[in-house]
Protein backbone atom coordinates (compact mmCIF):
# COMPACT_ATOMS: atom_id res chain seq x y z
CA MET A 1 124.20 8.88 189.57
CA GLN A 2 127.52 7.64 188.94
CA LEU A 3 129.77 10.22 187.69
CA ASP A 4 132.60 8.24 186.62
CA GLN A 5 130.73 6.10 184.04
CA GLU A 6 129.26 7.03 180.78
CA LEU A 7 125.87 8.99 180.46
CA ILE A 8 124.08 9.18 178.00
CA VAL A 9 121.12 11.89 177.71
CA LYS A 10 118.69 12.55 175.06
CA GLY A 11 118.09 16.04 173.91
CA ARG A 12 116.29 17.70 170.89
CA SER A 13 118.53 18.17 167.86
CA ILE A 14 118.62 22.17 166.51
CA CYS A 15 121.53 21.68 164.56
CA ARG A 16 123.23 18.79 163.20
CA GLY A 17 126.75 18.03 163.57
CA ILE A 18 129.90 16.50 166.30
CA ALA A 19 131.14 18.06 169.03
CA ILE A 20 133.53 16.92 171.49
CA GLY A 21 134.84 19.22 174.64
CA LYS A 22 134.51 20.72 177.83
CA PRO A 23 131.41 22.44 179.48
CA PHE A 24 131.30 25.91 179.57
CA PHE A 25 128.83 27.20 181.76
CA LEU A 26 127.04 30.71 180.38
CA ASN A 27 125.85 32.60 183.31
CA ARG A 28 122.78 34.65 183.06
CA ASP A 29 122.47 35.96 186.80
CA ASP A 30 119.43 38.43 187.39
CA PHE A 31 120.32 42.23 188.09
CA THR A 32 119.76 43.66 191.41
CA ILE A 33 117.90 46.72 190.63
CA CYS A 34 117.50 49.35 193.27
CA GLU A 35 115.16 52.16 193.08
CA THR A 36 117.10 55.85 193.87
CA ARG A 37 116.15 59.07 193.98
CA ILE A 38 118.33 61.43 191.68
CA PRO A 39 119.19 64.44 192.63
CA ALA A 40 118.55 67.63 190.26
CA ALA A 41 122.04 68.16 190.01
CA HIS A 42 122.86 64.73 188.81
CA MET A 43 120.38 64.25 186.27
CA GLN A 44 121.75 64.58 183.09
CA ARG A 45 124.89 62.56 184.65
CA GLU A 46 121.97 59.62 184.57
CA ILE A 47 121.13 60.49 181.12
CA ASP A 48 124.66 60.39 180.11
CA ARG A 49 125.22 57.14 181.81
CA TYR A 50 122.13 55.92 179.86
CA ARG A 51 123.29 57.26 176.52
CA GLN A 52 126.22 55.63 176.97
CA ALA A 53 125.37 52.18 177.68
CA LEU A 54 123.33 52.63 174.33
CA SER A 55 126.22 53.59 172.50
CA TYR A 56 128.22 50.91 173.74
CA SER A 57 125.69 48.24 172.98
CA ARG A 58 125.19 49.19 169.70
CA GLN A 59 128.88 49.20 168.98
CA ASP A 60 128.74 45.48 170.21
CA ILE A 61 126.24 44.40 167.86
CA LYS A 62 127.73 46.16 164.74
CA ARG A 63 130.92 43.99 166.04
CA LEU A 64 128.64 41.04 165.89
CA GLN A 65 127.39 41.75 162.64
CA LYS A 66 131.47 42.27 161.05
CA GLN A 67 131.68 38.61 162.64
CA LEU A 68 128.64 37.15 160.93
CA GLU A 69 129.63 38.70 157.44
CA ILE A 70 133.24 36.72 157.86
CA GLU A 71 131.29 33.84 158.31
CA SER A 72 128.88 33.76 156.40
CA ALA A 73 126.03 34.27 158.40
CA ALA A 74 123.46 35.97 156.40
CA GLU A 75 120.75 35.14 158.48
CA GLY A 76 122.11 36.77 161.43
CA ILE A 77 123.06 39.80 160.53
CA LEU A 78 119.99 40.53 159.78
CA ILE A 79 118.23 39.47 163.02
CA LEU A 80 121.01 41.79 164.83
CA GLU A 81 119.82 44.47 162.49
CA ALA A 82 116.45 44.42 164.32
CA GLN A 83 118.02 44.56 167.66
CA LEU A 84 120.19 48.33 166.31
CA GLU A 85 116.56 49.51 164.60
CA MET A 86 115.16 49.24 168.60
CA LEU A 87 118.40 51.39 170.27
CA GLN A 88 117.01 53.92 167.43
CA ASP A 89 113.25 53.70 168.74
CA PRO A 90 112.14 56.73 170.91
CA LEU A 91 110.55 54.27 173.26
CA LEU A 92 114.08 53.48 174.06
CA THR A 93 115.21 56.58 173.61
CA THR A 94 113.73 59.80 174.47
CA GLU A 95 110.85 58.57 175.90
CA ILE A 96 113.30 57.00 178.55
CA GLU A 97 114.92 60.03 179.23
CA LYS A 98 111.43 61.93 179.21
CA GLU A 99 110.81 59.24 182.73
CA ILE A 100 114.12 60.16 183.94
CA LYS A 101 113.54 63.56 184.31
CA LYS A 102 109.95 63.05 185.41
CA ASN A 103 110.19 60.73 188.07
CA LYS A 104 113.86 61.38 189.18
CA LYS A 105 114.84 57.86 189.25
CA ASN A 106 117.83 56.11 188.44
CA VAL A 107 118.22 55.05 185.12
CA GLU A 108 118.40 51.26 186.05
CA PHE A 109 114.93 51.29 187.49
CA VAL A 110 112.98 53.55 184.74
CA PHE A 111 114.65 50.91 181.83
CA GLN A 112 113.19 48.03 183.63
CA GLN A 113 109.81 49.30 184.67
CA ALA A 114 110.14 50.46 180.83
CA ILE A 115 110.89 46.50 179.54
CA LEU A 116 108.54 45.31 182.50
CA LYS A 117 105.63 47.72 180.41
CA PHE A 118 106.53 45.78 176.65
CA GLN A 119 106.65 42.66 178.62
CA GLU A 120 102.91 43.12 179.95
CA ARG A 121 102.08 44.15 176.27
CA PHE A 122 103.83 41.33 174.33
CA LYS A 123 102.46 38.60 176.33
CA ALA A 124 99.16 39.82 175.61
CA ILE A 125 99.36 39.48 171.48
CA ASP A 126 99.04 35.53 170.49
CA ASN A 127 101.33 35.74 167.46
CA PRO A 128 104.87 34.20 167.10
CA PHE A 129 106.61 36.86 165.51
CA PHE A 130 105.83 39.15 168.26
CA ALA A 131 107.44 36.62 170.76
CA GLU A 132 110.51 36.81 168.93
CA ARG A 133 110.76 40.68 168.81
CA PHE A 134 110.52 40.55 172.70
CA GLN A 135 113.19 37.45 172.93
CA ASP A 136 115.15 40.33 170.43
CA LEU A 137 114.28 42.87 173.49
CA GLN A 138 115.03 41.05 176.34
CA ASP A 139 118.35 40.07 174.26
CA LEU A 140 119.61 43.58 174.06
CA SER A 141 117.82 44.91 177.62
CA ARG A 142 120.58 42.06 179.73
CA ARG A 143 123.28 44.36 176.62
CA ILE A 144 122.16 47.24 178.32
CA PHE A 145 121.96 46.73 181.86
CA SER A 146 125.45 45.09 181.80
CA TYR A 147 127.16 48.49 180.96
CA LEU A 148 124.43 50.21 183.41
CA ASN A 149 125.97 47.93 185.58
CA GLU A 150 129.26 48.18 184.54
CA SER A 151 129.70 44.32 184.41
CA GLY A 152 131.11 44.98 180.64
CA ASN A 153 129.56 42.97 177.68
CA LEU A 154 128.17 39.86 177.50
CA SER A 155 130.02 37.90 174.52
CA LEU A 156 131.45 34.51 174.20
CA ASP A 157 134.66 35.95 173.29
CA ASP A 158 136.67 34.72 175.83
CA VAL A 159 135.61 31.33 175.85
CA PRO A 160 138.52 28.60 175.81
CA PRO A 161 139.16 25.86 172.74
CA ASN A 162 137.33 22.90 172.23
CA SER A 163 133.93 24.37 175.05
CA ILE A 164 130.73 23.29 175.00
CA VAL A 165 128.51 26.60 175.74
CA CYS A 166 126.07 25.19 178.58
CA ALA A 167 122.82 27.53 179.55
CA PRO A 168 119.22 27.82 180.61
CA GLU A 169 118.47 29.30 177.09
CA LEU A 170 120.63 30.55 174.16
CA THR A 171 119.89 34.30 172.85
CA ALA A 172 120.85 35.46 169.59
CA SER A 173 123.32 37.70 170.04
CA ASP A 174 125.01 34.53 172.77
CA ALA A 175 125.26 32.39 169.00
CA ALA A 176 126.36 35.25 167.22
CA SER A 177 129.21 35.91 169.41
CA ALA A 178 130.29 32.54 169.00
CA HIS A 179 133.68 31.42 167.54
CA GLY A 180 133.48 28.52 165.97
CA PHE A 181 137.24 27.85 166.49
CA CYS A 182 136.64 27.51 170.39
CA VAL A 183 132.81 26.83 170.54
CA GLY A 184 132.21 23.03 169.36
CA ALA A 185 128.80 23.01 170.73
CA PHE A 186 125.89 24.53 172.19
CA VAL A 187 123.50 22.21 174.98
CA THR A 188 120.69 24.16 176.59
CA GLN A 189 117.44 23.97 178.66
CA SER A 190 114.96 25.41 176.38
CA GLY A 191 114.99 26.29 173.12
CA GLY A 192 113.21 25.78 169.72
CA THR A 193 113.70 25.21 166.24
CA THR A 194 112.44 28.82 165.28
CA SER A 195 114.20 30.85 167.76
CA HIS A 196 116.66 33.38 166.59
CA ALA A 197 119.25 31.75 168.61
CA ALA A 198 118.49 28.55 166.64
CA ILE A 199 118.59 30.45 162.98
CA VAL A 200 121.95 31.87 164.06
CA ALA A 201 123.37 28.42 165.46
CA LYS A 202 122.47 27.06 162.12
CA ALA A 203 123.54 29.74 159.49
CA LYS A 204 127.30 29.34 161.25
CA GLY A 205 127.15 25.51 161.22
CA ILE A 206 127.01 25.17 165.22
CA PRO A 207 125.80 21.94 166.60
CA TYR A 208 123.05 22.50 168.85
CA VAL A 209 120.74 20.53 171.61
CA THR A 210 118.51 21.04 173.55
CA ASN A 211 115.87 20.16 176.20
CA VAL A 212 118.84 18.55 178.49
CA SER A 213 118.31 19.06 182.02
CA LEU A 214 120.45 22.08 183.63
CA GLU A 215 121.31 19.67 187.16
CA ILE A 216 122.33 16.90 184.90
CA LEU A 217 124.80 19.07 183.09
CA LYS A 218 125.91 20.99 186.61
CA GLU A 219 126.53 17.62 187.42
CA TYR A 220 128.65 16.88 185.04
CA ALA A 221 130.65 20.40 185.00
CA ALA A 222 134.17 18.68 185.38
CA HIS A 223 133.70 16.27 182.93
CA PRO A 224 134.55 16.15 179.21
CA MET A 225 131.33 15.47 176.92
CA ILE A 226 129.85 14.55 173.57
CA VAL A 227 127.07 16.60 171.17
CA ASP A 228 125.65 14.59 168.80
CA GLY A 229 123.37 17.34 166.73
CA ARG A 230 122.38 14.53 164.49
CA THR A 231 120.55 12.66 167.13
CA GLY A 232 119.82 14.96 169.79
CA LYS A 233 122.36 12.57 172.24
CA VAL A 234 124.63 14.53 175.02
CA ILE A 235 127.27 11.86 176.22
CA PHE A 236 128.66 12.43 179.29
CA ASN A 237 132.04 11.70 180.73
CA PRO A 238 132.48 9.32 177.12
CA SER A 239 134.82 6.27 177.71
CA LYS A 240 138.02 6.47 175.32
CA GLU A 241 136.62 4.33 172.93
CA THR A 242 133.62 6.65 172.21
CA ILE A 243 135.68 9.66 172.11
CA ARG A 244 137.61 7.65 169.39
CA GLU A 245 134.44 6.49 167.78
CA TYR A 246 132.86 10.01 167.45
CA GLU A 247 136.39 11.83 166.45
CA LEU A 248 136.25 9.68 163.24
CA LEU A 249 133.04 10.15 162.52
CA LYS A 250 133.63 13.88 162.76
CA ASP A 251 136.02 13.57 160.16
CA ARG A 252 134.13 11.65 157.70
CA MET A 253 131.27 13.93 158.06
CA HIS A 254 133.45 16.88 157.43
CA HIS A 255 135.02 14.91 154.24
CA GLN A 256 131.56 14.11 153.11
CA PHE A 257 130.04 17.36 153.04
CA LYS A 258 132.87 19.04 151.43
CA THR A 259 132.38 16.06 148.17
CA LEU A 260 128.69 16.96 148.72
CA GLN A 261 129.53 20.48 147.32
CA GLN A 262 130.72 18.97 144.16
CA VAL A 263 127.10 18.29 143.20
CA THR A 264 126.14 21.78 142.34
CA LYS A 265 127.64 21.36 139.19
CA TRP A 266 125.61 18.70 137.89
CA PRO A 267 121.78 19.03 136.23
CA THR A 268 118.30 18.80 138.77
CA GLN A 269 117.38 15.44 137.98
CA THR A 270 116.71 11.72 139.13
CA VAL A 271 118.40 8.71 137.94
CA ASP A 272 115.70 7.73 135.36
CA GLY A 273 115.31 11.55 134.01
CA TYR A 274 112.48 13.16 135.70
CA SER A 275 113.68 16.79 136.25
CA ILE A 276 113.06 19.05 139.16
CA ARG A 277 113.26 22.53 139.55
CA LEU A 278 115.62 23.35 143.04
CA CYS A 279 114.68 26.43 144.36
CA ALA A 280 115.89 28.78 147.55
CA ASN A 281 113.70 30.82 150.20
CA LEU A 282 115.36 33.95 151.05
CA ASP A 283 115.45 35.93 153.56
CA MET A 284 117.86 38.90 152.52
CA THR A 285 119.48 39.87 149.57
CA ARG A 286 122.99 38.88 150.76
CA GLU A 287 122.28 35.23 150.39
CA ILE A 288 122.13 35.69 146.59
CA ASP A 289 125.71 35.14 145.75
CA LEU A 290 125.39 31.63 148.22
CA ILE A 291 122.18 30.76 146.11
CA HIS A 292 124.24 31.06 142.53
CA GLU A 293 127.41 29.29 144.11
CA LEU A 294 125.41 26.54 145.22
CA GLY A 295 123.38 25.87 141.98
CA GLY A 296 119.96 26.93 143.13
CA GLU A 297 117.69 27.57 140.13
CA GLY A 298 115.42 30.51 141.25
CA ILE A 299 113.82 32.03 144.42
CA GLY A 300 111.26 30.10 145.17
CA LEU A 301 109.82 32.51 148.58
CA PHE A 302 111.12 35.75 149.11
CA ARG A 303 109.80 36.18 152.85
CA SER A 304 109.12 40.44 151.84
CA GLU A 305 108.17 41.11 155.49
CA TYR A 306 111.99 40.80 156.73
CA ILE A 307 112.57 44.48 155.26
CA PHE A 308 110.35 44.96 158.29
CA LEU A 309 113.41 44.21 160.64
CA THR A 310 115.30 46.94 159.42
CA SER A 311 112.72 49.50 159.38
CA ASN A 312 110.71 51.34 162.27
CA GLU A 313 107.53 51.61 159.64
CA ILE A 314 106.75 49.78 157.05
CA PRO A 315 108.87 50.89 154.44
CA SER A 316 107.95 52.83 151.47
CA GLU A 317 106.82 52.32 147.86
CA GLU A 318 110.60 53.42 146.46
CA ILE A 319 112.22 51.61 149.16
CA GLN A 320 110.37 48.13 148.37
CA PHE A 321 110.75 48.68 144.54
CA GLN A 322 114.68 49.13 145.32
CA ILE A 323 114.87 46.18 146.88
CA TYR A 324 112.85 44.18 144.77
CA SER A 325 114.82 45.49 141.45
CA HIS A 326 117.75 44.68 143.33
CA LEU A 327 116.98 40.94 144.38
CA ILE A 328 115.85 40.44 140.94
CA LYS A 329 118.97 42.06 138.95
CA LYS A 330 121.18 39.86 140.91
CA MET A 331 119.41 36.56 140.18
CA ASN A 332 120.06 37.31 136.58
CA GLY A 333 116.88 36.48 135.31
CA LEU A 334 116.05 33.36 136.98
CA PRO A 335 112.43 32.78 138.60
CA VAL A 336 112.22 35.46 141.36
CA VAL A 337 108.70 34.38 143.67
CA ILE A 338 108.35 37.75 146.36
CA ARG A 339 105.59 36.55 149.01
CA THR A 340 103.89 39.21 150.07
CA PHE A 341 103.72 40.66 153.65
CA ASP A 342 103.42 37.36 155.58
CA ILE A 343 102.77 39.22 159.56
CA GLY A 344 99.66 41.84 160.80
CA GLY A 345 99.47 44.82 162.12
CA ASP A 346 103.55 45.39 162.22
CA LYS A 347 104.11 49.28 161.53
CA SER A 348 107.17 49.62 163.54
CA PHE A 349 109.35 47.42 166.22
CA LEU A 350 108.20 48.70 169.79
CA ASN A 351 105.16 50.87 169.50
CA SER A 352 103.61 48.45 166.73
CA ALA A 353 102.22 46.10 169.23
CA HIS A 354 99.36 47.64 170.46
CA ILE A 355 97.83 47.14 166.78
CA TYR A 356 98.03 43.27 167.28
CA GLU A 357 96.85 43.40 171.21
CA GLY A 358 93.73 41.68 171.47
CA HIS A 359 94.06 39.85 167.86
CA SER A 360 95.04 36.72 167.88
CA SER A 361 96.89 36.05 164.72
CA LEU A 362 94.73 33.58 163.40
CA ASN A 363 91.99 36.60 163.33
CA TYR A 364 94.32 38.95 162.00
CA GLY A 365 97.30 37.76 159.86
CA SER A 366 98.66 38.27 156.70
CA THR A 367 96.57 38.45 153.69
CA ARG A 368 93.78 38.93 155.89
CA PHE A 369 95.44 41.66 157.24
CA LEU A 370 96.38 43.11 153.95
CA LEU A 371 92.97 43.48 152.83
CA LYS A 372 92.16 45.21 155.65
CA GLU A 373 94.73 47.52 155.15
CA GLN A 374 94.62 48.09 151.37
CA THR A 375 96.51 50.91 151.38
CA VAL A 376 99.91 48.74 152.76
CA PHE A 377 99.37 45.84 150.44
CA LYS A 378 98.65 48.05 146.95
CA THR A 379 101.57 49.77 147.98
CA GLN A 380 103.83 46.80 148.27
CA LEU A 381 102.14 45.35 144.88
CA ARG A 382 103.17 48.47 142.92
CA ALA A 383 106.66 48.29 144.12
CA ILE A 384 106.85 44.60 143.26
CA LEU A 385 105.09 44.99 139.79
CA ARG A 386 107.22 48.41 139.00
CA ALA A 387 110.57 46.04 139.97
CA GLY A 388 109.38 42.70 137.83
CA VAL A 389 107.95 44.33 134.64
CA ASN A 390 109.04 42.03 132.06
CA ASP A 391 111.22 39.86 134.35
CA ASN A 392 110.42 36.36 135.17
CA VAL A 393 108.89 37.34 138.53
CA SER A 394 106.25 35.79 140.64
CA ILE A 395 103.38 37.06 143.58
CA LEU A 396 102.62 35.00 145.81
CA PHE A 397 99.90 35.27 148.42
CA PRO A 398 100.17 33.89 151.92
CA MET A 399 98.13 32.11 154.54
CA ILE A 400 94.78 32.52 152.21
CA SER A 401 91.41 30.72 154.20
CA THR A 402 88.83 31.24 151.12
CA LEU A 403 88.33 31.94 147.84
CA SER A 404 86.75 35.32 148.53
CA GLU A 405 89.85 36.54 150.27
CA LEU A 406 92.07 34.96 146.98
CA ASN A 407 89.67 36.73 145.24
CA GLU A 408 89.59 40.29 147.04
CA ALA A 409 93.93 39.97 146.95
CA LYS A 410 93.65 39.39 143.16
CA ARG A 411 91.03 42.48 142.08
CA LEU A 412 93.41 44.54 144.40
CA LEU A 413 95.87 43.43 142.49
CA GLN A 414 94.16 44.08 139.22
CA GLU A 415 93.76 47.73 140.38
CA VAL A 416 97.53 48.36 141.15
CA ARG A 417 98.21 46.69 137.10
CA ASP A 418 95.27 49.55 135.85
CA GLU A 419 96.81 52.35 137.53
CA LEU A 420 100.66 51.20 136.50
CA GLN A 421 99.61 50.53 133.00
CA ILE A 422 100.90 47.14 132.76
CA PHE A 423 98.62 44.64 130.66
CA HIS A 424 101.13 41.46 130.46
CA PRO A 425 99.90 38.83 132.55
CA VAL A 426 101.78 38.52 136.15
CA ARG A 427 101.53 34.89 137.31
CA ILE A 428 100.19 34.98 140.29
CA GLY A 429 100.13 32.05 143.11
CA CYS A 430 98.98 30.80 146.51
CA MET A 431 100.31 29.59 149.60
CA ILE A 432 98.27 25.92 151.09
CA GLU A 433 99.29 26.36 154.63
CA ILE A 434 95.66 26.49 156.24
CA PRO A 435 93.40 23.31 156.37
CA SER A 436 90.74 25.25 154.77
CA ALA A 437 92.57 25.92 151.83
CA ALA A 438 93.48 22.74 151.01
CA LEU A 439 89.92 21.52 151.42
CA ILE A 440 89.01 23.58 148.24
CA VAL A 441 91.99 23.73 146.62
CA ASP A 442 90.23 22.50 143.68
CA HIS A 443 88.64 26.49 143.30
CA ILE A 444 91.57 27.77 144.70
CA ALA A 445 93.94 26.10 141.60
CA ALA A 446 91.41 27.43 139.05
CA GLU A 447 92.14 31.53 140.10
CA CYS A 448 96.44 30.48 140.24
CA ASP A 449 99.11 29.77 138.08
CA PHE A 450 100.99 27.67 140.50
CA LEU A 451 100.50 26.45 144.31
CA SER A 452 103.10 26.51 146.68
CA ILE A 453 102.46 24.75 150.21
CA GLY A 454 103.88 25.65 153.54
CA THR A 455 104.06 22.48 155.33
CA ASN A 456 105.25 24.21 158.74
CA ASP A 457 102.16 25.94 159.08
CA LEU A 458 99.94 23.50 157.70
CA VAL A 459 101.27 21.17 159.83
CA GLN A 460 100.74 23.80 162.91
CA TYR A 461 97.15 24.37 161.85
CA THR A 462 95.84 20.93 161.22
CA LEU A 463 97.43 19.41 164.34
CA ALA A 464 96.58 22.19 166.37
CA ILE A 465 100.10 21.99 167.77
CA ASP A 466 101.66 25.18 168.29
CA ARG A 467 105.19 25.24 166.49
CA CYS A 468 107.00 27.71 168.74
CA ASP A 469 105.74 25.77 172.00
CA GLN A 470 108.55 23.63 172.54
CA ALA A 471 106.77 21.43 175.05
CA SER A 472 104.64 20.01 172.59
CA HIS A 473 107.20 19.71 169.94
CA GLU A 474 106.96 16.07 169.82
CA PHE A 475 103.28 16.01 169.01
CA TYR A 476 104.50 18.37 165.64
CA GLU A 477 104.95 15.91 163.08
CA THR A 478 105.16 16.60 159.11
CA HIS A 479 104.96 13.19 158.29
CA ASP A 480 101.51 12.61 160.00
CA PRO A 481 99.07 10.60 157.75
CA CYS A 482 96.50 13.74 157.58
CA ILE A 483 99.61 15.99 156.42
CA ILE A 484 100.61 13.09 153.60
CA ARG A 485 97.12 13.03 152.55
CA LEU A 486 96.58 16.80 152.42
CA MET A 487 99.59 17.24 150.50
CA LYS A 488 98.53 14.67 147.99
CA LEU A 489 94.94 15.94 147.72
CA VAL A 490 96.86 19.54 147.06
CA ILE A 491 98.99 18.27 144.46
CA ASN A 492 96.47 16.08 142.52
CA GLU A 493 94.11 19.09 141.88
CA ALA A 494 96.36 21.56 140.83
CA ASN A 495 97.63 18.39 138.48
CA LYS A 496 94.04 18.20 136.67
CA ALA A 497 94.50 22.77 136.82
CA ARG A 498 97.97 22.08 134.84
CA ILE A 499 99.68 23.95 137.07
CA PRO A 500 103.03 23.27 139.31
CA VAL A 501 103.11 22.73 142.96
CA SER A 502 106.03 23.97 145.40
CA VAL A 503 106.70 22.43 148.89
CA CYS A 504 109.03 25.39 151.09
CA GLY A 505 108.40 24.15 154.56
CA GLU A 506 111.15 22.78 156.38
CA ILE A 507 110.24 19.26 154.89
CA ALA A 508 111.37 19.60 151.93
CA SER A 509 114.98 20.62 153.41
CA ASP A 510 115.56 16.92 155.05
CA PRO A 511 116.73 14.84 152.37
CA ARG A 512 115.13 11.74 153.97
CA PHE A 513 111.87 13.03 152.66
CA THR A 514 112.74 14.22 148.80
CA ALA A 515 112.04 10.91 147.43
CA LEU A 516 108.23 11.24 148.88
CA LEU A 517 107.49 14.50 147.78
CA LEU A 518 109.03 13.33 144.63
CA GLY A 519 106.66 10.59 144.62
CA LEU A 520 103.73 12.86 145.62
CA GLY A 521 104.24 14.31 142.57
CA VAL A 522 106.06 17.72 144.46
CA GLN A 523 107.83 19.64 140.75
CA GLU A 524 109.68 22.18 143.23
CA LEU A 525 111.35 22.17 145.79
CA SER A 526 112.51 25.06 148.00
CA VAL A 527 114.73 25.15 150.54
CA ALA A 528 117.69 27.40 152.69
CA PRO A 529 120.38 28.10 150.23
CA ARG A 530 122.42 25.97 152.71
CA PHE A 531 120.81 22.29 151.74
CA LEU A 532 121.05 23.38 148.04
CA PRO A 533 123.95 20.54 147.59
CA ILE A 534 122.47 17.77 150.20
CA ILE A 535 118.91 17.77 148.56
CA LYS A 536 120.13 18.39 145.06
CA ASN A 537 122.32 15.05 145.96
CA ALA A 538 118.99 12.83 147.42
CA ILE A 539 117.42 14.33 144.07
CA ARG A 540 119.77 12.90 141.61
CA LYS A 541 120.28 9.75 143.56
CA ALA A 542 116.48 9.08 143.70
CA SER A 543 114.68 7.36 141.17
CA ILE A 544 110.82 8.63 140.32
CA VAL A 545 109.70 5.02 139.77
CA ASN A 546 110.40 4.15 143.19
CA ALA A 547 109.55 6.94 144.35
CA VAL A 548 105.68 6.96 143.25
CA GLN A 549 106.13 3.23 145.13
CA LEU A 550 107.04 4.71 148.20
CA ALA A 551 104.83 7.30 147.93
CA GLU A 552 101.74 4.84 147.22
CA LYS A 553 103.17 2.81 150.55
CA VAL A 554 102.92 5.82 152.25
CA LEU A 555 99.49 6.67 152.13
CA ASP A 556 97.92 3.35 152.35
CA MET A 557 99.48 3.65 156.27
CA SER A 558 98.05 5.27 158.91
CA THR A 559 100.52 6.22 161.71
CA ALA A 560 103.02 9.24 162.20
CA GLN A 561 105.63 6.44 163.45
CA GLY A 562 105.00 3.95 160.67
CA ILE A 563 105.53 6.90 157.95
CA TYR A 564 108.93 7.68 159.45
CA GLU A 565 109.96 4.41 159.84
CA ILE A 566 109.66 3.28 156.23
CA ILE A 567 110.93 6.98 154.86
CA VAL A 568 114.39 6.19 157.39
CA SER A 569 114.38 2.73 156.35
CA ASP A 570 114.20 3.77 152.46
CA TYR A 571 116.55 6.48 152.78
CA ARG A 572 119.27 4.66 154.65
CA LYS A 573 118.86 1.94 151.59
CA ASN A 574 119.83 4.68 149.30
CA PHE A 575 122.40 6.58 151.07
CA PRO A 576 123.72 3.65 153.72
CA ASP A 577 127.07 6.10 154.00
CA ASP A 578 125.21 9.88 154.46
CA LEU A 579 126.99 10.47 158.04
CA PHE A 580 124.10 13.70 158.63
CA TYR A 581 120.92 11.96 158.08
CA ASN A 582 121.39 8.07 158.61
CA ARG A 583 121.95 7.52 162.57
CA PRO A 584 124.19 4.70 162.70
CA LEU A 585 125.32 5.31 167.01
CA ALA A 586 121.74 5.81 167.99
């Protein structure tokens, strides 16, 4: 390897954008923990040390939340709120103190043993939600250990300007503590697109590329580097010509993004007058102002399970009622779709893991779980119905696999309506995200007022690919022929039943696929708020006639690669100057 020459390495893009700077290595040295016996006279001092470490960690996280609020990175605030809740959990407070007294051992050793027990418990649970929860716990425990070892906090506050932060992996608090004027990009050896670190990086708009060898990063530690978050390329020791080229590209991308925001003022329709409803996916009510600002026409998906992240138990009916009422009121009469809890058995944060233990998420999740826990289900339905009476509010059931599940969910909904004496119609939808539901969609459509295609899980369960497993990400292809055909099947049957179909998965947020979705017959797209201007622009420059022709071509194709090439080619033809999703330098 010649270090004096330019080297281009291909990684996996997590967040788009361009950065030019010097590498800064985020070291994650493991703490050496010794087992020490504590005399009775020093026991209270040991407990006080632990309490102080928790207090300092709590202060750190609250400071990070304030920083995220200033940066309008609302997604990250809620993720860090989950860590604050962990700091209140008895398993990390009173139970640790009891163990210190009982075993008469130093707090570092007792705390480490507790974390190891949690690790074994979480490993036994086949559910990506809990995998992320354990990563949050590891992130938090590392912070606590740093204070117990008197090494201070673990933020990126002292990173020099124009730094490219390089690390084996990234945590949510790492991403949250990064200042945009100092941290130009993240480059890691491992990391997934759905990780909490990725969510925070996207919310802050920091380019992020993963799957880059740490050995190569260290080899070129003394050289400048360029991160191209559009293509996943990392350029080590770039030439002066390459640097000039990317500096110009970065300036042009910034100007293009500012210009793009102006499109939010115009109607969401194609050049030949075909109207589409463009809504937003919502995790927390703090983003509602952003939806209005960027021209969203409603909430196409409110992920109600995220309210678990700010509570150690399932919120009461009254708390849920307040959340939904606030949400509906702030939307000013625009349509709101509330998805019922899309999680199984999560009755609290740390001590809930045993509920799931031994149960695969395939067997015990979402609506299937709610049908077992009918009190939980009916409590949520009561809260939604009370908050949404006489408003434009719809209920969406997730992860339906059979018609009997849908009918049982509707039966329980009717019970709640009777109890509340609500007699006006309630709009009901079903998520199509499992192949079994897609194959009987004609029966499901007959029982619903609308359908929503969740492409993220539909790809996962159709292609038998764990979307959280970065080792198999190359096989996770939303544009595989079987996925496109399943989507068309769902749309055709929905059309026969005369009900609308929306798409709320990640494919809806990629403007290169907008024309294909329109051509397949999708009437509504629901995306993260930050993508509203990008997708509205793609809709306004599309022709429905050309979109239908594109869809017909794609439906005849036999490979994912062929479909991708024709879609990208069509996009480049219609958007030759787009710098974010075209790849002129690839």
